[in-house]
Amino acid sequence: MPTLALGRRAGDLDPVRLVLGGTMLQLVLVSWTSAIMLLSERTLDEARFWLAGSIAERDLGTLLPLVPTLLIGAITALAIAPALNALALGDEAATALGLPVSRIRLAGMVAVVLLAGSAVAVAGPIAFIGLGAPHLVRLVTGGDHRLLLPGCLIAGPILILTADIIGRLIARPSEVEVGIVTAFLGAILLAVLARRKENR
């Protein structure tokens, strides 16, 4: 709303003023956020957690409230795995096979929101796990979602734990947040995969 108000000129919405107003508002809010973080060490630590992601000091008490959400998301994803194989052939092919494409897409979106939302609620935004794990598992299982999805349920936690161990070893006695390590390793992984695809 403030951006829209700044972007109006004589009752009309001016695109240039809208962009400038949005940029100005963003800079003001970023400066305000930075000032708050600098004034409080605790706030800075919390912000660093939510910006980078970490599994430090996360115990079962943090995870238990989200178990129902995780189970619903995982069961939904596994249940639609065969239908995802058909969707990979295209909407027309899936429809020809008698599959309700819209419902399958909706179920997939629900599963993604539940699983990703629960993971972020526990550990913050840890980058590249959702991209890296499927690509690595696909090298072993191929494109069959009936094998790919269960494989990702195993590979994802293994990648996070590996990144957490690396972050603790390279910065002893302190640690590098797991989200920073996964972003670094994920960038390398995606570069290797892109290079591999170009060489085919």
N, C-alpha and C. Protein backbone atom coordinates (compact mmCIF):
# COMPACT_ATOMS: atom_id res chain seq x y z
N MET A 1 0.81 -1.21 0.00
CA MET A 1 0.00 0.00 0.00
C MET A 1 0.85 1.27 0.00
N PRO A 2 1.90 1.38 0.86
CA PRO A 2 2.73 2.60 0.79
C PRO A 2 3.38 2.77 -0.58
N THR A 3 3.82 1.66 -1.19
CA THR A 3 4.44 1.74 -2.51
C THR A 3 3.45 2.23 -3.54
N LEU A 4 2.21 1.73 -3.49
CA LEU A 4 1.19 2.18 -4.42
C LEU A 4 0.88 3.66 -4.23
N ALA A 5 0.85 4.10 -2.97
CA ALA A 5 0.59 5.51 -2.71
C ALA A 5 1.70 6.40 -3.27
N LEU A 6 2.95 5.95 -3.12
CA LEU A 6 4.07 6.72 -3.65
C LEU A 6 4.09 6.71 -5.18
N GLY A 7 3.55 5.65 -5.77
CA GLY A 7 3.60 5.52 -7.21
C GLY A 7 2.48 6.23 -7.94
N ARG A 8 1.52 6.81 -7.23
CA ARG A 8 0.40 7.49 -7.89
C ARG A 8 0.74 8.94 -8.20
N ARG A 9 0.29 9.36 -9.36
CA ARG A 9 0.43 10.77 -9.75
C ARG A 9 -0.90 11.23 -10.32
N ALA A 10 -1.52 12.17 -9.67
CA ALA A 10 -2.82 12.71 -10.10
C ALA A 10 -3.85 11.60 -10.27
N GLY A 11 -3.81 10.63 -9.37
CA GLY A 11 -4.80 9.56 -9.40
C GLY A 11 -4.42 8.39 -10.27
N ASP A 12 -3.42 8.53 -11.16
CA ASP A 12 -2.99 7.45 -12.04
C ASP A 12 -1.73 6.81 -11.48
N LEU A 13 -1.55 5.52 -11.82
CA LEU A 13 -0.39 4.77 -11.34
C LEU A 13 0.75 4.92 -12.34
N ASP A 14 1.81 5.59 -11.93
CA ASP A 14 2.97 5.82 -12.80
C ASP A 14 3.99 4.71 -12.56
N PRO A 15 4.34 3.90 -13.59
CA PRO A 15 5.28 2.78 -13.39
C PRO A 15 6.64 3.22 -12.85
N VAL A 16 7.15 4.35 -13.35
CA VAL A 16 8.47 4.82 -12.90
C VAL A 16 8.42 5.22 -11.43
N ARG A 17 7.39 5.97 -11.05
CA ARG A 17 7.24 6.36 -9.64
C ARG A 17 7.01 5.14 -8.76
N LEU A 18 6.31 4.13 -9.29
CA LEU A 18 6.07 2.90 -8.53
C LEU A 18 7.38 2.18 -8.23
N VAL A 19 8.25 2.07 -9.25
CA VAL A 19 9.54 1.41 -9.06
C VAL A 19 10.41 2.21 -8.08
N LEU A 20 10.46 3.51 -8.27
CA LEU A 20 11.27 4.35 -7.38
C LEU A 20 10.73 4.33 -5.95
N GLY A 21 9.39 4.36 -5.82
CA GLY A 21 8.79 4.31 -4.49
C GLY A 21 9.08 2.99 -3.80
N GLY A 22 9.01 1.88 -4.55
CA GLY A 22 9.32 0.57 -3.97
C GLY A 22 10.77 0.46 -3.55
N THR A 23 11.66 0.98 -4.39
CA THR A 23 13.09 0.96 -4.06
C THR A 23 13.38 1.80 -2.82
N MET A 24 12.78 2.98 -2.75
CA MET A 24 12.98 3.86 -1.59
C MET A 24 12.47 3.20 -0.31
N LEU A 25 11.27 2.60 -0.40
CA LEU A 25 10.70 1.93 0.78
C LEU A 25 11.57 0.76 1.22
N GLN A 26 12.10 0.00 0.24
CA GLN A 26 12.97 -1.12 0.58
C GLN A 26 14.22 -0.63 1.30
N LEU A 27 14.84 0.43 0.80
CA LEU A 27 16.06 0.95 1.43
C LEU A 27 15.80 1.42 2.85
N VAL A 28 14.66 2.08 3.06
CA VAL A 28 14.30 2.56 4.40
C VAL A 28 14.13 1.39 5.35
N LEU A 29 13.40 0.36 4.91
CA LEU A 29 13.15 -0.80 5.78
C LEU A 29 14.42 -1.59 6.03
N VAL A 30 15.29 -1.73 5.01
CA VAL A 30 16.56 -2.43 5.21
C VAL A 30 17.43 -1.68 6.20
N SER A 31 17.48 -0.35 6.08
CA SER A 31 18.27 0.45 7.03
C SER A 31 17.73 0.31 8.44
N TRP A 32 16.41 0.33 8.57
CA TRP A 32 15.77 0.18 9.87
C TRP A 32 16.10 -1.18 10.48
N THR A 33 16.00 -2.22 9.65
CA THR A 33 16.30 -3.58 10.13
C THR A 33 17.76 -3.69 10.56
N SER A 34 18.67 -3.11 9.77
CA SER A 34 20.10 -3.16 10.10
C SER A 34 20.38 -2.44 11.41
N ALA A 35 19.72 -1.31 11.62
CA ALA A 35 19.92 -0.56 12.86
C ALA A 35 19.45 -1.37 14.07
N ILE A 36 18.31 -2.05 13.94
CA ILE A 36 17.79 -2.87 15.04
C ILE A 36 18.75 -4.00 15.35
N MET A 37 19.31 -4.63 14.30
CA MET A 37 20.23 -5.75 14.51
C MET A 37 21.52 -5.29 15.18
N LEU A 38 22.00 -4.11 14.82
CA LEU A 38 23.25 -3.61 15.39
C LEU A 38 23.09 -3.22 16.86
N LEU A 39 21.87 -2.83 17.24
CA LEU A 39 21.63 -2.39 18.62
C LEU A 39 21.45 -3.56 19.59
N SER A 40 21.16 -4.75 19.05
CA SER A 40 20.90 -5.90 19.92
C SER A 40 21.65 -7.12 19.40
N GLU A 41 22.54 -7.66 20.22
CA GLU A 41 23.30 -8.84 19.82
C GLU A 41 22.38 -10.05 19.65
N ARG A 42 21.37 -10.17 20.52
CA ARG A 42 20.44 -11.28 20.41
C ARG A 42 19.66 -11.21 19.10
N THR A 43 19.21 -10.00 18.74
CA THR A 43 18.49 -9.82 17.48
C THR A 43 19.38 -10.15 16.30
N LEU A 44 20.66 -9.78 16.38
CA LEU A 44 21.60 -10.08 15.31
C LEU A 44 21.76 -11.59 15.14
N ASP A 45 21.85 -12.32 16.27
CA ASP A 45 21.97 -13.78 16.20
C ASP A 45 20.72 -14.40 15.59
N GLU A 46 19.55 -13.90 16.00
CA GLU A 46 18.30 -14.43 15.45
C GLU A 46 18.19 -14.14 13.95
N ALA A 47 18.58 -12.94 13.55
CA ALA A 47 18.52 -12.58 12.13
C ALA A 47 19.49 -13.42 11.32
N ARG A 48 20.67 -13.68 11.89
CA ARG A 48 21.64 -14.51 11.18
C ARG A 48 21.10 -15.92 10.99
N PHE A 49 20.39 -16.42 11.99
CA PHE A 49 19.78 -17.76 11.86
C PHE A 49 18.76 -17.78 10.73
N TRP A 50 17.88 -16.77 10.70
CA TRP A 50 16.81 -16.77 9.69
C TRP A 50 17.32 -16.40 8.31
N LEU A 51 18.48 -15.76 8.21
CA LEU A 51 19.04 -15.45 6.90
C LEU A 51 19.83 -16.62 6.33
N ALA A 52 20.56 -17.34 7.17
CA ALA A 52 21.43 -18.41 6.69
C ALA A 52 20.88 -19.80 6.95
N GLY A 53 20.14 -19.98 8.03
CA GLY A 53 19.64 -21.30 8.38
C GLY A 53 20.66 -22.07 9.20
N SER A 54 20.19 -22.82 10.17
CA SER A 54 21.09 -23.59 11.04
C SER A 54 20.29 -24.67 11.77
N ILE A 55 20.98 -25.74 12.11
CA ILE A 55 20.34 -26.79 12.93
C ILE A 55 20.97 -26.85 14.32
N ALA A 56 21.78 -25.84 14.64
CA ALA A 56 22.38 -25.78 15.97
C ALA A 56 21.29 -25.54 17.02
N GLU A 57 21.39 -26.23 18.13
CA GLU A 57 20.46 -26.10 19.26
C GLU A 57 19.02 -26.41 18.87
N ARG A 58 18.83 -27.21 17.85
CA ARG A 58 17.48 -27.67 17.47
C ARG A 58 17.32 -29.09 17.98
N ASP A 59 16.38 -29.28 18.90
CA ASP A 59 16.18 -30.60 19.49
C ASP A 59 14.82 -31.16 19.08
N LEU A 60 14.48 -32.32 19.63
CA LEU A 60 13.20 -32.96 19.28
C LEU A 60 12.01 -32.11 19.71
N GLY A 61 12.19 -31.31 20.75
CA GLY A 61 11.10 -30.44 21.19
C GLY A 61 10.71 -29.43 20.12
N THR A 62 11.68 -29.03 19.29
CA THR A 62 11.38 -28.11 18.19
C THR A 62 10.66 -28.84 17.06
N LEU A 63 11.01 -30.10 16.86
CA LEU A 63 10.47 -30.86 15.73
C LEU A 63 9.10 -31.47 16.00
N LEU A 64 8.85 -31.88 17.23
CA LEU A 64 7.62 -32.64 17.54
C LEU A 64 6.33 -31.94 17.12
N PRO A 65 6.16 -30.63 17.34
CA PRO A 65 4.90 -30.00 16.92
C PRO A 65 4.65 -30.06 15.41
N LEU A 66 5.73 -30.26 14.63
CA LEU A 66 5.60 -30.26 13.18
C LEU A 66 5.51 -31.66 12.59
N VAL A 67 5.57 -32.69 13.43
CA VAL A 67 5.51 -34.07 12.93
C VAL A 67 4.23 -34.34 12.14
N PRO A 68 3.03 -33.95 12.61
CA PRO A 68 1.82 -34.19 11.79
C PRO A 68 1.89 -33.54 10.42
N THR A 69 2.38 -32.31 10.37
CA THR A 69 2.49 -31.60 9.09
C THR A 69 3.47 -32.31 8.17
N LEU A 70 4.60 -32.74 8.71
CA LEU A 70 5.58 -33.46 7.91
C LEU A 70 5.03 -34.78 7.39
N LEU A 71 4.31 -35.48 8.24
CA LEU A 71 3.74 -36.78 7.82
C LEU A 71 2.71 -36.59 6.71
N ILE A 72 1.85 -35.60 6.87
CA ILE A 72 0.83 -35.36 5.84
C ILE A 72 1.50 -34.99 4.51
N GLY A 73 2.51 -34.13 4.58
CA GLY A 73 3.22 -33.74 3.36
C GLY A 73 3.94 -34.90 2.71
N ALA A 74 4.63 -35.72 3.51
CA ALA A 74 5.37 -36.86 2.96
C ALA A 74 4.43 -37.91 2.38
N ILE A 75 3.34 -38.23 3.08
CA ILE A 75 2.39 -39.22 2.59
C ILE A 75 1.73 -38.74 1.29
N THR A 76 1.39 -37.46 1.25
CA THR A 76 0.80 -36.90 0.03
C THR A 76 1.76 -36.99 -1.14
N ALA A 77 3.02 -36.62 -0.91
CA ALA A 77 4.02 -36.67 -1.98
C ALA A 77 4.23 -38.10 -2.48
N LEU A 78 4.34 -39.05 -1.56
CA LEU A 78 4.55 -40.44 -1.96
C LEU A 78 3.32 -41.01 -2.66
N ALA A 79 2.14 -40.56 -2.25
CA ALA A 79 0.91 -41.09 -2.85
C ALA A 79 0.75 -40.67 -4.31
N ILE A 80 1.22 -39.48 -4.64
CA ILE A 80 1.05 -39.01 -6.02
C ILE A 80 2.28 -39.31 -6.88
N ALA A 81 3.26 -40.03 -6.35
CA ALA A 81 4.48 -40.31 -7.11
C ALA A 81 4.21 -40.99 -8.45
N PRO A 82 3.35 -42.04 -8.51
CA PRO A 82 3.08 -42.64 -9.82
C PRO A 82 2.44 -41.65 -10.80
N ALA A 83 1.56 -40.79 -10.30
CA ALA A 83 0.91 -39.81 -11.17
C ALA A 83 1.92 -38.78 -11.68
N LEU A 84 2.94 -38.48 -10.88
CA LEU A 84 3.97 -37.53 -11.33
C LEU A 84 4.75 -38.08 -12.51
N ASN A 85 4.93 -39.39 -12.55
CA ASN A 85 5.58 -40.00 -13.70
C ASN A 85 4.78 -39.75 -14.97
N ALA A 86 3.46 -39.84 -14.86
CA ALA A 86 2.61 -39.56 -16.02
C ALA A 86 2.64 -38.08 -16.38
N LEU A 87 2.65 -37.21 -15.38
CA LEU A 87 2.70 -35.77 -15.65
C LEU A 87 3.99 -35.37 -16.34
N ALA A 88 5.06 -36.11 -16.08
CA ALA A 88 6.34 -35.81 -16.73
C ALA A 88 6.27 -35.99 -18.24
N LEU A 89 5.28 -36.78 -18.71
CA LEU A 89 5.09 -36.98 -20.15
C LEU A 89 4.32 -35.83 -20.80
N GLY A 90 3.74 -34.96 -19.95
CA GLY A 90 2.96 -33.84 -20.45
C GLY A 90 1.51 -33.92 -20.00
N ASP A 91 0.85 -32.78 -19.96
CA ASP A 91 -0.54 -32.73 -19.50
C ASP A 91 -1.47 -33.54 -20.39
N GLU A 92 -1.24 -33.49 -21.70
CA GLU A 92 -2.13 -34.20 -22.62
C GLU A 92 -2.02 -35.71 -22.43
N ALA A 93 -0.79 -36.20 -22.25
CA ALA A 93 -0.60 -37.63 -22.05
C ALA A 93 -1.22 -38.07 -20.72
N ALA A 94 -1.05 -37.25 -19.68
CA ALA A 94 -1.63 -37.59 -18.38
C ALA A 94 -3.15 -37.60 -18.44
N THR A 95 -3.73 -36.63 -19.15
CA THR A 95 -5.18 -36.58 -19.30
C THR A 95 -5.69 -37.78 -20.08
N ALA A 96 -4.94 -38.15 -21.11
CA ALA A 96 -5.32 -39.32 -21.91
C ALA A 96 -5.31 -40.60 -21.09
N LEU A 97 -4.45 -40.63 -20.08
CA LEU A 97 -4.39 -41.80 -19.20
C LEU A 97 -5.48 -41.76 -18.13
N GLY A 98 -6.30 -40.71 -18.14
CA GLY A 98 -7.41 -40.61 -17.21
C GLY A 98 -7.06 -40.01 -15.86
N LEU A 99 -5.96 -39.28 -15.79
CA LEU A 99 -5.54 -38.70 -14.51
C LEU A 99 -6.11 -37.28 -14.36
N PRO A 100 -6.57 -36.94 -13.16
CA PRO A 100 -7.05 -35.57 -12.90
C PRO A 100 -5.86 -34.63 -12.69
N VAL A 101 -5.39 -34.02 -13.76
CA VAL A 101 -4.15 -33.24 -13.72
C VAL A 101 -4.22 -32.11 -12.70
N SER A 102 -5.32 -31.39 -12.67
CA SER A 102 -5.44 -30.25 -11.75
C SER A 102 -5.36 -30.69 -10.30
N ARG A 103 -6.02 -31.81 -9.98
CA ARG A 103 -5.98 -32.30 -8.60
C ARG A 103 -4.59 -32.77 -8.21
N ILE A 104 -3.90 -33.40 -9.15
CA ILE A 104 -2.55 -33.88 -8.86
C ILE A 104 -1.61 -32.70 -8.62
N ARG A 105 -1.75 -31.66 -9.45
CA ARG A 105 -0.92 -30.47 -9.25
C ARG A 105 -1.22 -29.81 -7.90
N LEU A 106 -2.49 -29.74 -7.55
CA LEU A 106 -2.87 -29.15 -6.26
C LEU A 106 -2.30 -29.97 -5.11
N ALA A 107 -2.39 -31.30 -5.21
CA ALA A 107 -1.83 -32.16 -4.16
C ALA A 107 -0.32 -31.97 -4.06
N GLY A 108 0.35 -31.83 -5.22
CA GLY A 108 1.78 -31.61 -5.22
C GLY A 108 2.15 -30.29 -4.55
N MET A 109 1.38 -29.24 -4.84
CA MET A 109 1.64 -27.94 -4.22
C MET A 109 1.43 -28.00 -2.72
N VAL A 110 0.39 -28.70 -2.28
CA VAL A 110 0.13 -28.85 -0.85
C VAL A 110 1.29 -29.57 -0.17
N ALA A 111 1.78 -30.65 -0.80
CA ALA A 111 2.90 -31.40 -0.23
C ALA A 111 4.15 -30.54 -0.13
N VAL A 112 4.42 -29.76 -1.18
CA VAL A 112 5.61 -28.90 -1.18
C VAL A 112 5.51 -27.84 -0.07
N VAL A 113 4.34 -27.21 0.05
CA VAL A 113 4.16 -26.17 1.06
C VAL A 113 4.33 -26.75 2.47
N LEU A 114 3.72 -27.90 2.71
CA LEU A 114 3.80 -28.50 4.05
C LEU A 114 5.23 -28.90 4.40
N LEU A 115 5.91 -29.55 3.45
CA LEU A 115 7.26 -30.04 3.74
C LEU A 115 8.26 -28.89 3.82
N ALA A 116 8.23 -27.98 2.83
CA ALA A 116 9.18 -26.87 2.84
C ALA A 116 8.91 -25.92 4.01
N GLY A 117 7.62 -25.65 4.28
CA GLY A 117 7.28 -24.77 5.39
C GLY A 117 7.73 -25.33 6.73
N SER A 118 7.54 -26.63 6.92
CA SER A 118 7.97 -27.26 8.17
C SER A 118 9.47 -27.23 8.32
N ALA A 119 10.19 -27.49 7.23
CA ALA A 119 11.66 -27.48 7.29
C ALA A 119 12.18 -26.09 7.62
N VAL A 120 11.61 -25.06 7.01
CA VAL A 120 12.05 -23.69 7.28
C VAL A 120 11.70 -23.28 8.71
N ALA A 121 10.54 -23.72 9.20
CA ALA A 121 10.15 -23.40 10.56
C ALA A 121 11.13 -23.96 11.58
N VAL A 122 11.72 -25.11 11.28
CA VAL A 122 12.66 -25.74 12.21
C VAL A 122 14.07 -25.21 12.05
N ALA A 123 14.55 -25.12 10.80
CA ALA A 123 15.96 -24.85 10.58
C ALA A 123 16.26 -23.57 9.83
N GLY A 124 15.25 -22.81 9.44
CA GLY A 124 15.50 -21.61 8.66
C GLY A 124 15.68 -21.95 7.18
N PRO A 125 15.97 -20.94 6.37
CA PRO A 125 16.08 -21.16 4.92
C PRO A 125 17.44 -21.74 4.53
N ILE A 126 17.54 -23.05 4.49
CA ILE A 126 18.78 -23.72 4.10
C ILE A 126 18.74 -23.94 2.58
N ALA A 127 19.69 -23.33 1.89
CA ALA A 127 19.64 -23.30 0.43
C ALA A 127 20.16 -24.59 -0.20
N PHE A 128 19.66 -24.88 -1.39
CA PHE A 128 20.16 -25.88 -2.32
C PHE A 128 19.88 -27.33 -1.96
N ILE A 129 19.35 -27.61 -0.76
CA ILE A 129 19.05 -28.99 -0.43
C ILE A 129 17.93 -29.50 -1.35
N GLY A 130 16.91 -28.66 -1.55
CA GLY A 130 15.80 -29.06 -2.40
C GLY A 130 16.19 -29.23 -3.86
N LEU A 131 17.31 -28.64 -4.28
CA LEU A 131 17.80 -28.82 -5.64
C LEU A 131 18.85 -29.92 -5.71
N GLY A 132 19.75 -29.93 -4.73
CA GLY A 132 20.86 -30.87 -4.76
C GLY A 132 20.44 -32.31 -4.55
N ALA A 133 19.59 -32.55 -3.54
CA ALA A 133 19.20 -33.93 -3.23
C ALA A 133 18.53 -34.64 -4.41
N PRO A 134 17.53 -34.04 -5.06
CA PRO A 134 16.90 -34.73 -6.20
C PRO A 134 17.88 -35.03 -7.34
N HIS A 135 18.79 -34.09 -7.63
CA HIS A 135 19.74 -34.34 -8.71
C HIS A 135 20.69 -35.49 -8.38
N LEU A 136 21.14 -35.54 -7.14
CA LEU A 136 22.04 -36.63 -6.74
C LEU A 136 21.30 -37.98 -6.73
N VAL A 137 20.09 -37.99 -6.22
CA VAL A 137 19.32 -39.23 -6.17
C VAL A 137 18.97 -39.71 -7.57
N ARG A 138 18.68 -38.75 -8.47
CA ARG A 138 18.32 -39.10 -9.84
C ARG A 138 19.45 -39.84 -10.55
N LEU A 139 20.70 -39.55 -10.16
CA LEU A 139 21.83 -40.26 -10.75
C LEU A 139 21.79 -41.75 -10.43
N VAL A 140 21.16 -42.09 -9.30
CA VAL A 140 21.10 -43.49 -8.86
C VAL A 140 19.79 -44.16 -9.28
N THR A 141 18.67 -43.46 -9.08
CA THR A 141 17.36 -44.08 -9.29
C THR A 141 16.76 -43.81 -10.66
N GLY A 142 17.28 -42.80 -11.36
CA GLY A 142 16.65 -42.40 -12.60
C GLY A 142 15.48 -41.46 -12.32
N GLY A 143 14.60 -41.31 -13.29
CA GLY A 143 13.52 -40.34 -13.17
C GLY A 143 12.23 -40.87 -12.59
N ASP A 144 12.20 -42.10 -12.12
CA ASP A 144 10.99 -42.68 -11.55
C ASP A 144 10.71 -42.07 -10.19
N HIS A 145 9.63 -41.31 -10.10
CA HIS A 145 9.31 -40.61 -8.84
C HIS A 145 9.00 -41.58 -7.70
N ARG A 146 8.60 -42.79 -8.01
CA ARG A 146 8.33 -43.77 -6.94
C ARG A 146 9.60 -44.13 -6.19
N LEU A 147 10.75 -43.99 -6.84
CA LEU A 147 12.04 -44.21 -6.19
C LEU A 147 12.73 -42.89 -5.82
N LEU A 148 12.48 -41.88 -6.65
CA LEU A 148 13.15 -40.60 -6.46
C LEU A 148 12.71 -39.92 -5.16
N LEU A 149 11.41 -39.89 -4.88
CA LEU A 149 10.92 -39.20 -3.68
C LEU A 149 11.39 -39.87 -2.39
N PRO A 150 11.28 -41.21 -2.25
CA PRO A 150 11.84 -41.82 -1.03
C PRO A 150 13.34 -41.61 -0.91
N GLY A 151 14.03 -41.63 -2.06
CA GLY A 151 15.48 -41.38 -2.02
C GLY A 151 15.80 -39.99 -1.51
N CYS A 152 14.98 -39.00 -1.89
CA CYS A 152 15.20 -37.63 -1.43
C CYS A 152 14.95 -37.50 0.07
N LEU A 153 13.99 -38.29 0.59
CA LEU A 153 13.73 -38.27 2.04
C LEU A 153 14.95 -38.74 2.84
N ILE A 154 15.78 -39.55 2.20
CA ILE A 154 17.01 -40.03 2.85
C ILE A 154 18.19 -39.11 2.55
N ALA A 155 18.31 -38.70 1.28
CA ALA A 155 19.47 -37.91 0.87
C ALA A 155 19.46 -36.51 1.47
N GLY A 156 18.27 -35.89 1.60
CA GLY A 156 18.19 -34.54 2.14
C GLY A 156 18.80 -34.41 3.53
N PRO A 157 18.36 -35.22 4.50
CA PRO A 157 18.97 -35.14 5.85
C PRO A 157 20.46 -35.47 5.85
N ILE A 158 20.88 -36.41 4.98
CA ILE A 158 22.30 -36.74 4.92
C ILE A 158 23.11 -35.54 4.46
N LEU A 159 22.61 -34.82 3.45
CA LEU A 159 23.31 -33.63 2.96
C LEU A 159 23.39 -32.55 4.04
N ILE A 160 22.29 -32.35 4.77
CA ILE A 160 22.29 -31.32 5.81
C ILE A 160 23.28 -31.67 6.94
N LEU A 161 23.27 -32.93 7.37
CA LEU A 161 24.19 -33.34 8.43
C LEU A 161 25.64 -33.24 7.97
N THR A 162 25.91 -33.62 6.71
CA THR A 162 27.26 -33.50 6.18
C THR A 162 27.71 -32.05 6.15
N ALA A 163 26.83 -31.16 5.70
CA ALA A 163 27.16 -29.73 5.66
C ALA A 163 27.37 -29.18 7.07
N ASP A 164 26.57 -29.63 8.03
CA ASP A 164 26.71 -29.17 9.41
C ASP A 164 28.05 -29.61 9.99
N ILE A 165 28.46 -30.84 9.71
CA ILE A 165 29.75 -31.35 10.20
C ILE A 165 30.89 -30.55 9.58
N ILE A 166 30.79 -30.28 8.28
CA ILE A 166 31.83 -29.49 7.60
C ILE A 166 31.91 -28.09 8.21
N GLY A 167 30.75 -27.47 8.45
CA GLY A 167 30.73 -26.13 9.04
C GLY A 167 31.34 -26.08 10.43
N ARG A 168 31.18 -27.16 11.20
CA ARG A 168 31.76 -27.20 12.54
C ARG A 168 33.27 -27.45 12.49
N LEU A 169 33.72 -28.22 11.49
CA LEU A 169 35.14 -28.55 11.41
C LEU A 169 35.99 -27.39 10.89
N ILE A 170 35.48 -26.64 9.92
CA ILE A 170 36.30 -25.61 9.29
C ILE A 170 36.39 -24.33 10.13
N ALA A 171 35.55 -24.20 11.15
CA ALA A 171 35.55 -22.96 11.95
C ALA A 171 35.65 -23.25 13.43
N ARG A 172 36.28 -24.38 13.83
CA ARG A 172 36.40 -24.70 15.24
C ARG A 172 37.14 -23.60 15.97
N PRO A 173 36.74 -23.29 17.24
CA PRO A 173 35.68 -23.89 18.05
C PRO A 173 34.29 -23.32 17.75
N SER A 174 34.21 -22.35 16.84
CA SER A 174 32.92 -21.82 16.45
C SER A 174 32.34 -22.70 15.34
N GLU A 175 31.42 -22.17 14.55
CA GLU A 175 30.89 -22.94 13.43
C GLU A 175 30.36 -22.01 12.36
N VAL A 176 30.34 -22.51 11.13
CA VAL A 176 29.73 -21.81 10.01
C VAL A 176 28.32 -22.37 9.86
N GLU A 177 27.33 -21.48 9.73
CA GLU A 177 25.94 -21.93 9.63
C GLU A 177 25.78 -22.90 8.47
N VAL A 178 24.96 -23.91 8.68
CA VAL A 178 24.80 -24.96 7.69
C VAL A 178 24.25 -24.40 6.38
N GLY A 179 23.44 -23.34 6.44
CA GLY A 179 22.91 -22.75 5.22
C GLY A 179 23.99 -22.15 4.34
N ILE A 180 25.05 -21.60 4.96
CA ILE A 180 26.16 -21.04 4.18
C ILE A 180 26.93 -22.15 3.50
N VAL A 181 27.16 -23.26 4.23
CA VAL A 181 27.89 -24.40 3.66
C VAL A 181 27.11 -25.02 2.50
N THR A 182 25.80 -25.22 2.70
CA THR A 182 25.01 -25.84 1.63
C THR A 182 24.93 -24.94 0.41
N ALA A 183 24.88 -23.62 0.62
CA ALA A 183 24.86 -22.70 -0.52
C ALA A 183 26.16 -22.80 -1.32
N PHE A 184 27.29 -22.88 -0.61
CA PHE A 184 28.58 -23.01 -1.28
C PHE A 184 28.69 -24.33 -2.03
N LEU A 185 28.37 -25.43 -1.34
CA LEU A 185 28.44 -26.75 -1.97
C LEU A 185 27.40 -26.89 -3.09
N GLY A 186 26.22 -26.30 -2.88
CA GLY A 186 25.17 -26.38 -3.89
C GLY A 186 25.55 -25.66 -5.16
N ALA A 187 26.21 -24.52 -5.03
CA ALA A 187 26.65 -23.79 -6.22
C ALA A 187 27.64 -24.63 -7.03
N ILE A 188 28.56 -25.30 -6.33
CA ILE A 188 29.52 -26.17 -7.01
C ILE A 188 28.80 -27.33 -7.68
N LEU A 189 27.83 -27.93 -6.96
CA LEU A 189 27.09 -29.07 -7.51
C LEU A 189 26.33 -28.67 -8.77
N LEU A 190 25.64 -27.53 -8.73
CA LEU A 190 24.88 -27.11 -9.90
C LEU A 190 25.80 -26.79 -11.07
N ALA A 191 26.99 -26.24 -10.80
CA ALA A 191 27.94 -25.98 -11.88
C ALA A 191 28.41 -27.28 -12.51
N VAL A 192 28.67 -28.29 -11.68
CA VAL A 192 29.10 -29.60 -12.21
C VAL A 192 27.99 -30.24 -13.03
N LEU A 193 26.76 -30.17 -12.53
CA LEU A 193 25.62 -30.76 -13.25
C LEU A 193 25.37 -30.04 -14.58
N ALA A 194 25.52 -28.71 -14.56
CA ALA A 194 25.33 -27.95 -15.80
C ALA A 194 26.41 -28.30 -16.81
N ARG A 195 27.64 -28.43 -16.32
CA ARG A 195 28.75 -28.81 -17.21
C ARG A 195 28.55 -30.20 -17.77
N ARG A 196 28.05 -31.10 -16.93
CA ARG A 196 27.80 -32.47 -17.34
C ARG A 196 26.73 -32.54 -18.41
N LYS A 197 25.68 -31.68 -18.25
CA LYS A 197 24.61 -31.65 -19.23
C LYS A 197 25.09 -31.08 -20.57
N GLU A 198 26.00 -30.09 -20.52
CA GLU A 198 26.51 -29.50 -21.75
C GLU A 198 27.36 -30.51 -22.52
N ASN A 199 28.06 -31.39 -21.80
CA ASN A 199 28.95 -32.35 -22.45
C ASN A 199 28.21 -33.52 -23.08
N ARG A 200 26.92 -33.65 -22.78
CA ARG A 200 26.14 -34.75 -23.36
C ARG A 200 25.84 -34.48 -24.82
